[in-house]
Protein backbone atom coordinates (compact mmCIF):
# COMPACT_ATOMS: atom_id res chain seq x y z
CA UNK A 1 -0.81 21.06 -2.49
CA UNK A 2 0.31 18.17 -0.34
CA UNK A 3 -2.20 15.51 0.69
CA UNK A 4 -2.36 14.53 4.34
CA UNK A 5 -2.35 10.74 4.52
CA UNK A 6 -3.59 8.87 7.60
CA UNK A 7 -1.17 7.04 9.87
CA UNK A 8 -1.55 3.29 10.45
CA UNK A 9 -2.77 3.82 14.03
CA UNK A 10 -5.54 6.16 12.84
CA UNK A 11 -6.82 3.36 10.59
CA UNK A 12 -6.63 0.66 13.25
CA UNK A 13 -3.48 -1.00 11.89
CA UNK A 14 -0.81 -1.88 14.46
CA UNK A 15 2.88 -1.80 13.60
CA UNK A 16 4.40 -5.29 14.08
CA UNK A 17 7.20 -5.57 16.66
CA UNK A 18 9.61 -7.40 14.32
CA UNK A 19 9.91 -4.56 11.75
CA UNK A 20 11.61 -1.16 11.78
CA UNK A 21 8.85 1.29 12.57
CA UNK A 22 10.07 4.18 10.38
CA UNK A 23 10.41 2.00 7.27
CA UNK A 24 7.04 0.37 7.96
CA UNK A 25 5.37 3.79 8.14
CA UNK A 26 7.06 4.92 4.92
CA UNK A 27 5.87 1.79 3.13
CA UNK A 28 2.34 2.21 4.46
CA UNK A 29 2.19 5.87 3.38
CA UNK A 30 3.65 4.98 -0.02
CA UNK A 31 0.96 2.38 -0.71
CA UNK A 32 -1.92 4.53 0.60
CA UNK A 33 -0.69 7.31 -1.69
CA UNK A 34 -0.87 5.00 -4.70
CA UNK A 35 2.84 4.35 -5.13
CA UNK A 36 4.54 1.27 -6.51
CA UNK A 37 7.70 -0.55 -5.51
CA UNK A 38 10.25 0.86 -7.95
CA UNK A 39 13.38 1.65 -5.95
CA UNK A 40 15.98 -0.47 -4.24
CA UNK A 41 15.11 0.83 -0.76
CA UNK A 42 11.52 -0.31 -1.34
CA UNK A 43 12.71 -3.91 -1.20
CA UNK A 44 13.54 -3.80 2.50
CA UNK A 45 11.39 -6.22 4.51
CA UNK A 46 10.01 -3.54 6.86
CA UNK A 47 9.03 -1.27 3.96
CA UNK A 48 7.37 -4.16 2.12
CA UNK A 49 5.43 -5.16 5.25
CA UNK A 50 4.01 -1.64 5.56
CA UNK A 51 3.34 -1.48 1.83
CA UNK A 52 1.50 -4.82 1.89
CA UNK A 53 -0.61 -3.81 4.90
CA UNK A 54 -1.49 -0.53 3.20
CA UNK A 55 -2.62 -2.34 0.04
CA UNK A 56 -4.67 -4.81 2.07
CA UNK A 57 -6.30 -1.93 3.92
CA UNK A 58 -7.17 -0.16 0.64
CA UNK A 59 -8.65 -3.36 -0.80
CA UNK A 60 -10.81 -3.90 2.30
CA UNK A 61 -11.93 -0.27 2.25
CA UNK A 62 -12.97 -0.47 -1.41
CA UNK A 63 -14.93 -3.67 -0.73
CA UNK A 64 -16.65 -2.08 2.25
CA UNK A 65 -17.70 0.88 0.12
CA UNK A 66 -18.85 -1.38 -2.73
CA UNK A 67 -16.26 -0.19 -5.24
CA UNK A 68 -15.47 -2.96 -7.71
CA UNK A 69 -12.17 -3.49 -9.43
CA UNK A 70 -12.53 -4.46 -13.03
CA UNK A 71 -10.05 -6.84 -14.63
CA UNK A 72 -7.18 -5.33 -16.55
CA UNK A 73 -7.74 -5.21 -20.28
CA UNK A 74 -4.76 -6.70 -22.02
CA UNK A 75 -3.94 -5.91 -25.59
CA UNK A 76 -2.56 -8.77 -27.60
CA UNK A 77 -0.36 -7.92 -30.53
CA UNK A 78 -0.08 -10.61 -33.15
CA UNK A 79 2.66 -10.54 -35.74
């Protein structure tokens, strides 16, 4: 079952004029869907701009809802 993710305009985010709109949208959808930057095409400036805006939106939304992010627990291995 495929999830329907919101578009940037539906969330009140405007696409900047200096980026390629299709790559920006792909980056935004990728970040909203929980993806990470793992491929070469994810390093394009327009994709990263959309990805960054999507992450910022998610962070603001979690704060608004009162959802806290706990620090990552690191495991230290001593030899």
